[in-house]
Amino acid sequence: MPAATQTELDAILHHAAIAPIDRAFLRITGSDATRWLNGMVTNSIQALAPGEGNYNLLLNAQGRILGDCTVYREPDGDSPAFVLATSTQQIDAIQKHLDHFIIMDDVELTLMEHYSHTVLLIGREAPQVLRRMENPSPGCSSFADSAPLRLHYYPQTASQLTTPADGPIPCFEISPSFPVDDLLEEAKAAGAIEVSPEALEAFRILEARPLYGRDITDKYLPQEINQPQALHFAKGCYLGQEIVERIRSRGQVHRLLMPLTLTGSLPAELPAPLHSPSEGQARSVGEITSAALVPLPEGPQLLALGYVRREALEGPQASHQPLTYNGGTAAPRPQPQVESTLAASN
């Protein structure tokens, strides 16, 4: 697999980058949609204002993670309606899971198949690029069949389209109703640089954003994935809440998903077991789930995500006992700050 280039990562971090991404959408409507969906996911759906969204997990009754998604409240309409955005690999399982719990509720799930291609526009200059593009026109958000679907990761007023230099990197998802290649060309003409999947993966690991199916699976509990922006503790009852509250009352979990810096070589296979010496013997303390060579300005670095048991981080020997894997050593790095509220541009 080719490595991401520094030019590509620089476009994502400081300028504007564009790339096709994997995305699928499920529309949730009906008079009971707000109450019902609020009881199915881990974040507060009932608190969303028109145009806002938030990151969510879907759990089973044992609190294990069945999937992740972003739920947006549509900006228009007489009654609340929602769009659930997730990966194409997850959408069928999520739709089946949700449909199983529609019993006496006035709720309808509709797969939005007309939005079959999505691109990501990201970077400090992404708002300016969006402003210069003919389609979609900035300042207008719609989930209608005749208009592009434009979703905005971070809370920002699209009519202003201003970006603080030290704030979150603006990030738009655009699902056009016209050919996606035309949108890519339009974005590049407006100043965006098309980047590779490897560059998006390097950025994902740099910002410590877990990927369902790799860093998150159904063997993990919500607090173990270290994404507190996905959990709301005052929203009312939802599927799996009892386990989440029990973990909260105990104060901790035994392992955490953490960003790591690797010294050595990329793991030959993932997940890669992590070990820590204990009385002369290596003991298992976790696993690396994602890794990439990230081309930073100061030089390429091997960065990763992985689960580490708390005793390896907080025990009496933790400060000077390296974590090892088959290929080198791993050290925790600071957890990046994550915005907790998303917004559709409007």
C-alpha atoms as a PDB file:
ATOM      1  CA  MET A   1       0.000   0.000   0.000  1.00  0.00           C
ATOM      2  CA  PRO A   2       1.492   3.391  -0.952  1.00  0.00           C
ATOM      3  CA  ALA A   3       2.211   5.828   1.856  1.00  0.00           C
ATOM      4  CA  ALA A   4       0.452   9.166   2.215  1.00  0.00           C
ATOM      5  CA  THR A   5       2.534  12.100   1.048  1.00  0.00           C
ATOM      6  CA  GLN A   6       3.359  15.167   3.100  1.00  0.00           C
ATOM      7  CA  THR A   7       1.690  17.330   0.427  1.00  0.00           C
ATOM      8  CA  GLU A   8      -1.579  15.442   0.903  1.00  0.00           C
ATOM      9  CA  LEU A   9      -1.504  15.663   4.697  1.00  0.00           C
ATOM     10  CA  ASP A  10      -0.530  19.327   4.492  1.00  0.00           C
ATOM     11  CA  ALA A  11      -3.599  19.949   2.307  1.00  0.00           C
ATOM     12  CA  ILE A  12      -5.820  18.301   4.939  1.00  0.00           C
ATOM     13  CA  LEU A  13      -4.271  20.154   7.882  1.00  0.00           C
ATOM     14  CA  HIS A  14      -3.660  23.603   6.399  1.00  0.00           C
ATOM     15  CA  HIS A  15      -5.353  24.058   3.025  1.00  0.00           C
ATOM     16  CA  ALA A  16      -8.234  22.139   1.383  1.00  0.00           C
ATOM     17  CA  ALA A  17      -8.432  18.488   0.398  1.00  0.00           C
ATOM     18  CA  ILE A  18     -11.117  16.537  -1.449  1.00  0.00           C
ATOM     19  CA  ALA A  19     -11.605  12.764  -1.720  1.00  0.00           C
ATOM     20  CA  PRO A  20     -14.356  10.184  -2.242  1.00  0.00           C
ATOM     21  CA  ILE A  21     -15.374   8.456   0.994  1.00  0.00           C
ATOM     22  CA  ASP A  22     -17.537   5.527   2.040  1.00  0.00           C
ATOM     23  CA  ARG A  23     -20.905   6.726   3.348  1.00  0.00           C
ATOM     24  CA  ALA A  24     -24.518   5.540   3.525  1.00  0.00           C
ATOM     25  CA  PHE A  25     -27.626   7.293   4.855  1.00  0.00           C
ATOM     26  CA  LEU A  26     -30.804   6.178   6.591  1.00  0.00           C
ATOM     27  CA  ARG A  27     -33.724   8.611   6.973  1.00  0.00           C
ATOM     28  CA  ILE A  28     -35.866   8.273  10.113  1.00  0.00           C
ATOM     29  CA  THR A  29     -39.308   9.861  10.109  1.00  0.00           C
ATOM     30  CA  GLY A  30     -42.656   9.608  11.877  1.00  0.00           C
ATOM     31  CA  SER A  31     -44.436  11.206  14.822  1.00  0.00           C
ATOM     32  CA  ASP A  32     -42.497   8.998  17.283  1.00  0.00           C
ATOM     33  CA  ALA A  33     -39.106   9.418  15.578  1.00  0.00           C
ATOM     34  CA  THR A  34     -37.507  11.648  18.230  1.00  0.00           C
ATOM     35  CA  ARG A  35     -38.547   9.597  21.264  1.00  0.00           C
ATOM     36  CA  TRP A  36     -37.880   6.242  19.588  1.00  0.00           C
ATOM     37  CA  LEU A  37     -34.457   7.102  18.150  1.00  0.00           C
ATOM     38  CA  ASN A  38     -33.410   8.678  21.446  1.00  0.00           C
ATOM     39  CA  GLY A  39     -33.993   5.256  23.024  1.00  0.00           C
ATOM     40  CA  MET A  40     -31.836   3.463  20.463  1.00  0.00           C
ATOM     41  CA  VAL A  41     -28.546   5.391  20.538  1.00  0.00           C
ATOM     42  CA  THR A  42     -26.128   6.655  23.186  1.00  0.00           C
ATOM     43  CA  ASN A  43     -26.315  10.400  22.555  1.00  0.00           C
ATOM     44  CA  SER A  44     -29.136  12.886  23.034  1.00  0.00           C
ATOM     45  CA  ILE A  45     -31.311  13.001  19.930  1.00  0.00           C
ATOM     46  CA  GLN A  46     -34.058  14.972  21.665  1.00  0.00           C
ATOM     47  CA  ALA A  47     -31.636  17.858  22.301  1.00  0.00           C
ATOM     48  CA  LEU A  48     -30.723  18.335  18.622  1.00  0.00           C
ATOM     49  CA  ALA A  49     -31.819  21.611  17.076  1.00  0.00           C
ATOM     50  CA  PRO A  50     -32.715  21.689  13.357  1.00  0.00           C
ATOM     51  CA  GLY A  51     -29.505  21.235  11.366  1.00  0.00           C
ATOM     52  CA  GLU A  52     -27.479  19.857  14.284  1.00  0.00           C
ATOM     53  CA  GLY A  53     -26.051  16.369  14.669  1.00  0.00           C
ATOM     54  CA  ASN A  54     -24.038  14.246  17.064  1.00  0.00           C
ATOM     55  CA  TYR A  55     -21.911  11.106  17.128  1.00  0.00           C
ATOM     56  CA  ASN A  56     -23.589   7.965  18.470  1.00  0.00           C
ATOM     57  CA  LEU A  57     -23.046   4.324  19.288  1.00  0.00           C
ATOM     58  CA  LEU A  58     -25.623   1.571  18.941  1.00  0.00           C
ATOM     59  CA  LEU A  59     -25.516  -1.048  21.699  1.00  0.00           C
ATOM     60  CA  ASN A  60     -27.081  -4.380  22.490  1.00  0.00           C
ATOM     61  CA  ALA A  61     -28.679  -5.128  25.855  1.00  0.00           C
ATOM     62  CA  GLN A  62     -25.286  -6.242  27.221  1.00  0.00           C
ATOM     63  CA  GLY A  63     -23.764  -2.856  26.358  1.00  0.00           C
ATOM     64  CA  ARG A  64     -21.583  -4.178  23.526  1.00  0.00           C
ATOM     65  CA  ILE A  65     -21.108  -1.889  20.526  1.00  0.00           C
ATOM     66  CA  LEU A  66     -23.034  -2.960  17.431  1.00  0.00           C
ATOM     67  CA  GLY A  67     -22.160   0.058  15.299  1.00  0.00           C
ATOM     68  CA  ASP A  68     -21.450   3.772  15.202  1.00  0.00           C
ATOM     69  CA  CYS A  69     -23.025   6.629  13.276  1.00  0.00           C
ATOM     70  CA  THR A  70     -23.683  10.340  13.143  1.00  0.00           C
ATOM     71  CA  VAL A  71     -27.318  11.393  13.497  1.00  0.00           C
ATOM     72  CA  TYR A  72     -28.426  14.728  12.038  1.00  0.00           C
ATOM     73  CA  ARG A  73     -31.746  16.426  12.559  1.00  0.00           C
ATOM     74  CA  GLU A  74     -33.035  17.738   9.260  1.00  0.00           C
ATOM     75  CA  PRO A  75     -33.027  21.543   9.132  1.00  0.00           C
ATOM     76  CA  ASP A  76     -36.525  21.858   7.666  1.00  0.00           C
ATOM     77  CA  GLY A  77     -39.963  20.307   8.066  1.00  0.00           C
ATOM     78  CA  ASP A  78     -43.006  20.620  10.309  1.00  0.00           C
ATOM     79  CA  SER A  79     -42.063  17.608  12.461  1.00  0.00           C
ATOM     80  CA  PRO A  80     -38.579  16.380  13.390  1.00  0.00           C
ATOM     81  CA  ALA A  81     -36.922  14.009  10.920  1.00  0.00           C
ATOM     82  CA  PHE A  82     -33.408  12.609  11.110  1.00  0.00           C
ATOM     83  CA  VAL A  83     -30.651  11.300   8.864  1.00  0.00           C
ATOM     84  CA  LEU A  84     -28.326   8.603  10.190  1.00  0.00           C
ATOM     85  CA  ALA A  85     -24.946   8.615   8.437  1.00  0.00           C
ATOM     86  CA  THR A  86     -22.596   5.638   8.673  1.00  0.00           C
ATOM     87  CA  SER A  87     -20.386   3.417   6.501  1.00  0.00           C
ATOM     88  CA  THR A  88     -21.828   1.266   3.744  1.00  0.00           C
ATOM     89  CA  GLN A  89     -20.439  -1.792   5.563  1.00  0.00           C
ATOM     90  CA  GLN A  90     -22.612  -1.006   8.581  1.00  0.00           C
ATOM     91  CA  ILE A  91     -25.818   0.308   7.064  1.00  0.00           C
ATOM     92  CA  ASP A  92     -27.623  -3.014   6.473  1.00  0.00           C
ATOM     93  CA  ALA A  93     -26.898  -4.330   9.966  1.00  0.00           C
ATOM     94  CA  ILE A  94     -27.893  -1.010  11.563  1.00  0.00           C
ATOM     95  CA  GLN A  95     -31.127  -0.820   9.599  1.00  0.00           C
ATOM     96  CA  LYS A  96     -32.006  -4.409  10.539  1.00  0.00           C
ATOM     97  CA  HIS A  97     -31.155  -3.756  14.202  1.00  0.00           C
ATOM     98  CA  LEU A  98     -33.273  -0.608  14.347  1.00  0.00           C
ATOM     99  CA  ASP A  99     -36.177  -2.150  12.446  1.00  0.00           C
ATOM    100  CA  HIS A 100     -36.331  -4.978  15.002  1.00  0.00           C
ATOM    101  CA  PHE A 101     -37.254  -2.450  17.707  1.00  0.00           C
ATOM    102  CA  ILE A 102     -40.072  -0.678  15.827  1.00  0.00           C
ATOM    103  CA  ILE A 103     -43.094  -2.275  17.474  1.00  0.00           C
ATOM    104  CA  MET A 104     -46.045   0.044  18.104  1.00  0.00           C
ATOM    105  CA  ASP A 105     -44.129   3.165  17.106  1.00  0.00           C
ATOM    106  CA  ASP A 106     -44.955   5.569  14.280  1.00  0.00           C
ATOM    107  CA  VAL A 107     -41.444   5.370  12.786  1.00  0.00           C
ATOM    108  CA  GLU A 108     -40.308   4.748   9.231  1.00  0.00           C
ATOM    109  CA  LEU A 109     -36.770   3.900   8.097  1.00  0.00           C
ATOM    110  CA  THR A 110     -35.848   4.794   4.515  1.00  0.00           C
ATOM    111  CA  LEU A 111     -32.501   3.962   2.942  1.00  0.00           C
ATOM    112  CA  MET A 112     -31.394   7.019   0.957  1.00  0.00           C
ATOM    113  CA  GLU A 113     -30.086   5.125  -2.046  1.00  0.00           C
ATOM    114  CA  HIS A 114     -30.038   8.217  -4.285  1.00  0.00           C
ATOM    115  CA  TYR A 115     -27.046   9.446  -2.248  1.00  0.00           C
ATOM    116  CA  SER A 116     -24.790   6.587  -3.329  1.00  0.00           C
ATOM    117  CA  HIS A 117     -21.553   8.599  -3.626  1.00  0.00           C
ATOM    118  CA  THR A 118     -20.067  10.981  -1.082  1.00  0.00           C
ATOM    119  CA  VAL A 119     -16.956  13.153  -1.068  1.00  0.00           C
ATOM    120  CA  LEU A 120     -15.126  14.726   1.819  1.00  0.00           C
ATOM    121  CA  LEU A 121     -14.012  18.362   1.657  1.00  0.00           C
ATOM    122  CA  ILE A 122     -11.664  19.095   4.549  1.00  0.00           C
ATOM    123  CA  GLY A 123      -9.080  21.658   5.591  1.00  0.00           C
ATOM    124  CA  ARG A 124      -8.625  25.187   6.929  1.00  0.00           C
ATOM    125  CA  GLU A 125      -9.476  26.571   3.497  1.00  0.00           C
ATOM    126  CA  ALA A 126     -12.415  24.214   2.869  1.00  0.00           C
ATOM    127  CA  PRO A 127     -15.018  26.941   3.611  1.00  0.00           C
ATOM    128  CA  GLN A 128     -13.432  29.233   1.022  1.00  0.00           C
ATOM    129  CA  VAL A 129     -13.393  26.407  -1.537  1.00  0.00           C
ATOM    130  CA  LEU A 130     -17.037  25.657  -0.799  1.00  0.00           C
ATOM    131  CA  ARG A 131     -17.855  29.326  -1.254  1.00  0.00           C
ATOM    132  CA  ARG A 132     -16.189  29.339  -4.686  1.00  0.00           C
ATOM    133  CA  MET A 133     -17.889  26.173  -5.939  1.00  0.00           C
ATOM    134  CA  GLU A 134     -20.940  26.512  -8.162  1.00  0.00           C
ATOM    135  CA  ASN A 135     -22.581  23.353  -6.785  1.00  0.00           C
ATOM    136  CA  PRO A 136     -23.476  23.086  -4.026  1.00  0.00           C
ATOM    137  CA  SER A 137     -24.055  26.753  -3.323  1.00  0.00           C
ATOM    138  CA  PRO A 138     -22.995  27.743   0.214  1.00  0.00           C
ATOM    139  CA  GLY A 139     -25.604  28.723   2.751  1.00  0.00           C
ATOM    140  CA  CYS A 140     -28.200  26.161   1.640  1.00  0.00           C
ATOM    141  CA  SER A 141     -28.702  22.735   3.183  1.00  0.00           C
ATOM    142  CA  SER A 142     -31.207  20.173   1.996  1.00  0.00           C
ATOM    143  CA  PHE A 143     -31.967  16.466   2.185  1.00  0.00           C
ATOM    144  CA  ALA A 144     -34.362  16.683  -0.780  1.00  0.00           C
ATOM    145  CA  ASP A 145     -33.903  14.450  -3.818  1.00  0.00           C
ATOM    146  CA  SER A 146     -33.205  17.378  -6.100  1.00  0.00           C
ATOM    147  CA  ALA A 147     -30.431  18.944  -4.027  1.00  0.00           C
ATOM    148  CA  PRO A 148     -27.006  17.867  -2.772  1.00  0.00           C
ATOM    149  CA  LEU A 149     -26.824  16.475   0.751  1.00  0.00           C
ATOM    150  CA  ARG A 150     -24.251  18.506   2.613  1.00  0.00           C
ATOM    151  CA  LEU A 151     -23.248  17.591   6.148  1.00  0.00           C
ATOM    152  CA  HIS A 152     -20.875  19.582   8.323  1.00  0.00           C
ATOM    153  CA  TYR A 153     -18.830  17.897  11.030  1.00  0.00           C
ATOM    154  CA  TYR A 154     -18.187  20.869  13.254  1.00  0.00           C
ATOM    155  CA  PRO A 155     -20.379  23.594  14.796  1.00  0.00           C
ATOM    156  CA  GLN A 156     -20.006  26.562  12.518  1.00  0.00           C
ATOM    157  CA  THR A 157     -22.457  28.882  10.768  1.00  0.00           C
ATOM    158  CA  ALA A 158     -22.139  28.139   7.074  1.00  0.00           C
ATOM    159  CA  SER A 159     -23.401  31.567   6.052  1.00  0.00           C
ATOM    160  CA  GLN A 160     -20.334  33.046   7.742  1.00  0.00           C
ATOM    161  CA  LEU A 161     -17.922  30.275   6.689  1.00  0.00           C
ATOM    162  CA  THR A 162     -15.130  31.548   8.884  1.00  0.00           C
ATOM    163  CA  THR A 163     -12.506  29.338  10.498  1.00  0.00           C
ATOM    164  CA  PRO A 164     -10.435  30.101  13.615  1.00  0.00           C
ATOM    165  CA  ALA A 165      -6.796  29.225  13.007  1.00  0.00           C
ATOM    166  CA  ASP A 166      -6.561  27.062  16.130  1.00  0.00           C
ATOM    167  CA  GLY A 167     -10.093  25.590  16.040  1.00  0.00           C
ATOM    168  CA  PRO A 168     -11.361  22.301  14.641  1.00  0.00           C
ATOM    169  CA  ILE A 169     -10.532  21.625  11.008  1.00  0.00           C
ATOM    170  CA  PRO A 170     -13.664  22.307   8.915  1.00  0.00           C
ATOM    171  CA  CYS A 171     -14.916  19.117   7.343  1.00  0.00           C
ATOM    172  CA  PHE A 172     -17.821  18.788   4.904  1.00  0.00           C
ATOM    173  CA  GLU A 173     -19.433  15.665   3.503  1.00  0.00           C
ATOM    174  CA  ILE A 174     -21.144  16.238   0.165  1.00  0.00           C
ATOM    175  CA  SER A 175     -23.373  13.680  -1.550  1.00  0.00           C
ATOM    176  CA  PRO A 176     -24.288  15.230  -4.904  1.00  0.00           C
ATOM    177  CA  SER A 177     -27.295  14.401  -7.031  1.00  0.00           C
ATOM    178  CA  PHE A 178     -25.055  14.876 -10.082  1.00  0.00           C
ATOM    179  CA  PRO A 179     -21.960  12.777 -11.073  1.00  0.00           C
ATOM    180  CA  VAL A 180     -19.405  12.717  -8.290  1.00  0.00           C
ATOM    181  CA  ASP A 181     -16.508  13.136 -10.756  1.00  0.00           C
ATOM    182  CA  ASP A 182     -17.981  16.500 -11.749  1.00  0.00           C
ATOM    183  CA  LEU A 183     -17.984  17.552  -8.098  1.00  0.00           C
ATOM    184  CA  LEU A 184     -14.353  16.483  -7.679  1.00  0.00           C
ATOM    185  CA  GLU A 185     -13.314  18.516 -10.707  1.00  0.00           C
ATOM    186  CA  GLU A 186     -15.295  21.513  -9.502  1.00  0.00           C
ATOM    187  CA  ALA A 187     -13.664  21.368  -6.067  1.00  0.00           C
ATOM    188  CA  LYS A 188     -10.197  21.087  -7.560  1.00  0.00           C
ATOM    189  CA  ALA A 189     -10.902  24.052  -9.829  1.00  0.00           C
ATOM    190  CA  ALA A 190     -11.887  25.999  -6.703  1.00  0.00           C
ATOM    191  CA  GLY A 191      -8.565  25.215  -5.005  1.00  0.00           C
ATOM    192  CA  ALA A 192      -8.884  21.803  -3.351  1.00  0.00           C
ATOM    193  CA  ILE A 193      -6.258  19.071  -3.746  1.00  0.00           C
ATOM    194  CA  GLU A 194      -7.487  15.526  -4.320  1.00  0.00           C
ATOM    195  CA  VAL A 195      -5.901  13.198  -1.757  1.00  0.00           C
ATOM    196  CA  SER A 196      -5.565   9.438  -1.482  1.00  0.00           C
ATOM    197  CA  PRO A 197      -7.302   7.003   0.895  1.00  0.00           C
ATOM    198  CA  GLU A 198      -3.884   6.552   2.542  1.00  0.00           C
ATOM    199  CA  ALA A 199      -3.794  10.281   3.367  1.00  0.00           C
ATOM    200  CA  LEU A 200      -7.265  10.135   4.940  1.00  0.00           C
ATOM    201  CA  GLU A 201      -6.188   7.085   6.938  1.00  0.00           C
ATOM    202  CA  ALA A 202      -3.050   8.861   8.155  1.00  0.00           C
ATOM    203  CA  PHE A 203      -5.159  11.839   9.237  1.00  0.00           C
ATOM    204  CA  ARG A 204      -7.674   9.532  10.970  1.00  0.00           C
ATOM    205  CA  ILE A 205      -4.925   7.971  13.061  1.00  0.00           C
ATOM    206  CA  LEU A 206      -3.282  11.348  13.712  1.00  0.00           C
ATOM    207  CA  GLU A 207      -6.576  12.654  15.170  1.00  0.00           C
ATOM    208  CA  ALA A 208      -7.188   9.316  16.978  1.00  0.00           C
ATOM    209  CA  ARG A 209     -10.584   8.678  15.394  1.00  0.00           C
ATOM    210  CA  PRO A 210     -11.527   4.980  15.682  1.00  0.00           C
ATOM    211  CA  LEU A 211     -12.921   3.005  12.762  1.00  0.00           C
ATOM    212  CA  TYR A 212     -15.764   0.565  13.322  1.00  0.00           C
ATOM    213  CA  GLY A 213     -14.805  -2.947  12.292  1.00  0.00           C
ATOM    214  CA  ARG A 214     -11.145  -2.323  13.090  1.00  0.00           C
ATOM    215  CA  ASP A 215     -10.740  -0.247  16.259  1.00  0.00           C
ATOM    216  CA  ILE A 216     -14.324  -0.783  17.452  1.00  0.00           C
ATOM    217  CA  THR A 217     -16.059  -4.167  17.417  1.00  0.00           C
ATOM    218  CA  ASP A 218     -18.830  -5.832  19.384  1.00  0.00           C
ATOM    219  CA  LYS A 219     -16.370  -7.127  21.973  1.00  0.00           C
ATOM    220  CA  TYR A 220     -15.846  -3.623  23.360  1.00  0.00           C
ATOM    221  CA  LEU A 221     -17.867  -1.535  25.807  1.00  0.00           C
ATOM    222  CA  PRO A 222     -18.617   2.167  25.160  1.00  0.00           C
ATOM    223  CA  GLN A 223     -16.225   3.653  27.722  1.00  0.00           C
ATOM    224  CA  GLU A 224     -13.381   1.443  26.489  1.00  0.00           C
ATOM    225  CA  ILE A 225     -13.235   3.185  23.099  1.00  0.00           C
ATOM    226  CA  ASN A 226     -12.398   6.525  24.753  1.00  0.00           C
ATOM    227  CA  GLN A 227     -14.904   8.616  22.774  1.00  0.00           C
ATOM    228  CA  PRO A 228     -16.811  10.502  25.498  1.00  0.00           C
ATOM    229  CA  GLN A 229     -18.528  12.738  22.915  1.00  0.00           C
ATOM    230  CA  ALA A 230     -20.641   9.691  21.960  1.00  0.00           C
ATOM    231  CA  LEU A 231     -22.206   9.315  25.425  1.00  0.00           C
ATOM    232  CA  HIS A 232     -24.894  11.425  27.123  1.00  0.00           C
ATOM    233  CA  PHE A 233     -25.640  10.619  30.757  1.00  0.00           C
ATOM    234  CA  ALA A 234     -28.798  12.696  31.266  1.00  0.00           C
ATOM    235  CA  LYS A 235     -30.849  11.850  28.180  1.00  0.00           C
ATOM    236  CA  GLY A 236     -33.102   9.148  29.582  1.00  0.00           C
ATOM    237  CA  CYS A 237     -33.303   5.429  28.912  1.00  0.00           C
ATOM    238  CA  TYR A 238     -31.802   3.735  25.864  1.00  0.00           C
ATOM    239  CA  LEU A 239     -30.782   0.228  24.843  1.00  0.00           C
ATOM    240  CA  GLY A 240     -27.632  -0.787  26.755  1.00  0.00           C
ATOM    241  CA  GLN A 241     -27.851   2.134  29.193  1.00  0.00           C
ATOM    242  CA  GLU A 242     -27.784  -0.075  32.286  1.00  0.00           C
ATOM    243  CA  ILE A 243     -24.282  -1.333  31.453  1.00  0.00           C
ATOM    244  CA  VAL A 244     -23.025   2.153  30.571  1.00  0.00           C
ATOM    245  CA  GLU A 245     -24.300   3.527  33.894  1.00  0.00           C
ATOM    246  CA  ARG A 246     -22.819   0.605  35.819  1.00  0.00           C
ATOM    247  CA  ILE A 247     -19.399   1.298  34.309  1.00  0.00           C
ATOM    248  CA  ARG A 248     -19.806   4.987  35.091  1.00  0.00           C
ATOM    249  CA  SER A 249     -20.663   4.290  38.728  1.00  0.00           C
ATOM    250  CA  ARG A 250     -17.564   2.116  39.099  1.00  0.00           C
ATOM    251  CA  GLY A 251     -15.444   4.931  37.743  1.00  0.00           C
ATOM    252  CA  GLN A 252     -13.324   3.140  35.144  1.00  0.00           C
ATOM    253  CA  VAL A 253     -12.834   0.322  32.678  1.00  0.00           C
ATOM    254  CA  HIS A 254      -9.899  -2.060  32.551  1.00  0.00           C
ATOM    255  CA  ARG A 255      -8.673  -1.051  29.082  1.00  0.00           C
ATOM    256  CA  LEU A 256      -8.768   2.061  26.896  1.00  0.00           C
ATOM    257  CA  LEU A 257      -8.341   2.777  23.214  1.00  0.00           C
ATOM    258  CA  MET A 258      -5.381   5.150  23.007  1.00  0.00           C
ATOM    259  CA  PRO A 259      -3.292   6.970  20.414  1.00  0.00           C
ATOM    260  CA  LEU A 260       0.209   5.519  20.294  1.00  0.00           C
ATOM    261  CA  THR A 261       3.604   6.399  18.843  1.00  0.00           C
ATOM    262  CA  LEU A 262       5.536   3.417  17.514  1.00  0.00           C
ATOM    263  CA  THR A 263       9.308   2.980  17.318  1.00  0.00           C
ATOM    264  CA  GLY A 264      10.395   0.280  14.908  1.00  0.00           C
ATOM    265  CA  SER A 265       8.370  -0.963  11.951  1.00  0.00           C
ATOM    266  CA  LEU A 266       4.701  -1.096  11.088  1.00  0.00           C
ATOM    267  CA  PRO A 267       3.007  -4.225  12.482  1.00  0.00           C
ATOM    268  CA  ALA A 268       2.928  -6.996   9.886  1.00  0.00           C
ATOM    269  CA  GLU A 269      -0.642  -7.905  10.900  1.00  0.00           C
ATOM    270  CA  LEU A 270      -3.428  -6.186  12.805  1.00  0.00           C
ATOM    271  CA  PRO A 271      -4.480  -6.481  15.534  1.00  0.00           C
ATOM    272  CA  ALA A 272      -0.930  -6.794  16.882  1.00  0.00           C
ATOM    273  CA  PRO A 273      -0.554  -7.929  20.521  1.00  0.00           C
ATOM    274  CA  LEU A 274       1.042  -5.488  22.970  1.00  0.00           C
ATOM    275  CA  HIS A 275       3.193  -6.772  25.808  1.00  0.00           C
ATOM    276  CA  SER A 276       4.835  -5.331  28.895  1.00  0.00           C
ATOM    277  CA  PRO A 277       7.678  -6.967  30.864  1.00  0.00           C
ATOM    278  CA  SER A 278       6.647  -8.266  34.277  1.00  0.00           C
ATOM    279  CA  GLU A 279       9.188  -9.941  36.545  1.00  0.00           C
ATOM    280  CA  GLY A 280      11.274 -10.903  33.542  1.00  0.00           C
ATOM    281  CA  GLN A 281       8.364 -12.200  31.482  1.00  0.00           C
ATOM    282  CA  ALA A 282       6.345 -10.434  28.826  1.00  0.00           C
ATOM    283  CA  ARG A 283       2.633 -10.262  29.637  1.00  0.00           C
ATOM    284  CA  SER A 284      -0.191  -9.274  27.332  1.00  0.00           C
ATOM    285  CA  VAL A 285      -1.504  -5.759  28.033  1.00  0.00           C
ATOM    286  CA  GLY A 286      -3.470  -4.943  24.886  1.00  0.00           C
ATOM    287  CA  GLU A 287      -3.312  -4.756  21.117  1.00  0.00           C
ATOM    288  CA  ILE A 288      -2.602  -2.342  18.267  1.00  0.00           C
ATOM    289  CA  THR A 289      -5.671  -2.039  16.039  1.00  0.00           C
ATOM    290  CA  SER A 290      -4.624   0.600  13.460  1.00  0.00           C
ATOM    291  CA  ALA A 291      -1.234   1.933  12.367  1.00  0.00           C
ATOM    292  CA  ALA A 292       0.163   4.152   9.630  1.00  0.00           C
ATOM    293  CA  LEU A 293       3.279   6.044   8.618  1.00  0.00           C
ATOM    294  CA  VAL A 294       2.220   9.688   9.012  1.00  0.00           C
ATOM    295  CA  PRO A 295       4.283  12.234   7.022  1.00  0.00           C
ATOM    296  CA  LEU A 296       4.522  15.087   9.540  1.00  0.00           C
ATOM    297  CA  PRO A 297       6.570  18.246   8.806  1.00  0.00           C
ATOM    298  CA  GLU A 298       9.187  17.264  11.382  1.00  0.00           C
ATOM    299  CA  GLY A 299       9.555  13.909   9.675  1.00  0.00           C
ATOM    300  CA  PRO A 300       7.524  10.731   9.156  1.00  0.00           C
ATOM    301  CA  GLN A 301       6.250   9.082  12.326  1.00  0.00           C
ATOM    302  CA  LEU A 302       4.714   5.688  12.979  1.00  0.00           C
ATOM    303  CA  LEU A 303       1.395   6.400  14.716  1.00  0.00           C
ATOM    304  CA  ALA A 304      -1.233   3.940  15.857  1.00  0.00           C
ATOM    305  CA  LEU A 305      -4.389   3.303  17.824  1.00  0.00           C
ATOM    306  CA  GLY A 306      -4.607   0.467  20.280  1.00  0.00           C
ATOM    307  CA  TYR A 307      -6.130  -0.853  23.481  1.00  0.00           C
ATOM    308  CA  VAL A 308      -3.958  -0.754  26.591  1.00  0.00           C
ATOM    309  CA  ARG A 309      -4.837  -2.150  29.989  1.00  0.00           C
ATOM    310  CA  ARG A 310      -4.905   0.460  32.743  1.00  0.00           C
ATOM    311  CA  GLU A 311      -2.364  -1.326  34.938  1.00  0.00           C
ATOM    312  CA  ALA A 312       0.197  -0.957  32.142  1.00  0.00           C
ATOM    313  CA  LEU A 313      -0.405   2.816  32.188  1.00  0.00           C
ATOM    314  CA  GLU A 314      -0.990   3.520  35.862  1.00  0.00           C
ATOM    315  CA  GLY A 315       0.799   0.741  37.773  1.00  0.00           C
ATOM    316  CA  PRO A 316       4.039   1.261  39.739  1.00  0.00           C
ATOM    317  CA  GLN A 317       6.175   0.051  36.830  1.00  0.00           C
ATOM    318  CA  ALA A 318       4.278   1.894  34.110  1.00  0.00           C
ATOM    319  CA  SER A 319       6.570   4.912  33.943  1.00  0.00           C
ATOM    320  CA  HIS A 320       9.607   2.967  32.757  1.00  0.00           C
ATOM    321  CA  GLN A 321       8.301  -0.280  31.321  1.00  0.00           C
ATOM    322  CA  PRO A 322       7.967  -0.049  27.517  1.00  0.00           C
ATOM    323  CA  LEU A 323       5.083  -1.589  25.655  1.00  0.00           C
ATOM    324  CA  THR A 324       6.372  -3.912  22.961  1.00  0.00           C
ATOM    325  CA  TYR A 325       4.949  -5.540  19.835  1.00  0.00           C
ATOM    326  CA  ASN A 326       6.418  -7.766  17.164  1.00  0.00           C
ATOM    327  CA  GLY A 327       8.336  -5.035  15.373  1.00  0.00           C
ATOM    328  CA  GLY A 328       9.194  -2.459  18.014  1.00  0.00           C
ATOM    329  CA  THR A 329       7.904  -0.504  20.999  1.00  0.00           C
ATOM    330  CA  ALA A 330       4.794   1.603  21.579  1.00  0.00           C
ATOM    331  CA  ALA A 331       4.291   4.665  23.781  1.00  0.00           C
ATOM    332  CA  PRO A 332       1.009   6.498  24.545  1.00  0.00           C
ATOM    333  CA  ARG A 333       0.624   9.968  23.044  1.00  0.00           C
ATOM    334  CA  PRO A 334      -1.834  12.699  24.089  1.00  0.00           C
ATOM    335  CA  GLN A 335      -5.486  12.223  23.206  1.00  0.00           C
ATOM    336  CA  PRO A 336      -6.593  14.957  20.748  1.00  0.00           C
ATOM    337  CA  GLN A 337      -9.571  17.072  21.731  1.00  0.00           C
ATOM    338  CA  VAL A 338     -12.786  16.143  19.899  1.00  0.00           C
ATOM    339  CA  GLU A 339     -15.755  18.410  19.266  1.00  0.00           C
ATOM    340  CA  SER A 340     -18.947  16.949  20.735  1.00  0.00           C
ATOM    341  CA  THR A 341     -21.555  18.652  18.525  1.00  0.00           C
ATOM    342  CA  LEU A 342     -21.962  18.469  14.776  1.00  0.00           C
ATOM    343  CA  ALA A 343     -23.967  20.698  12.503  1.00  0.00           C
ATOM    344  CA  ALA A 344     -25.418  20.575   9.055  1.00  0.00           C
ATOM    345  CA  SER A 345     -24.584  23.717   7.147  1.00  0.00           C
ATOM    346  CA  ASN A 346     -27.568  25.976   6.818  1.00  0.00           C
END
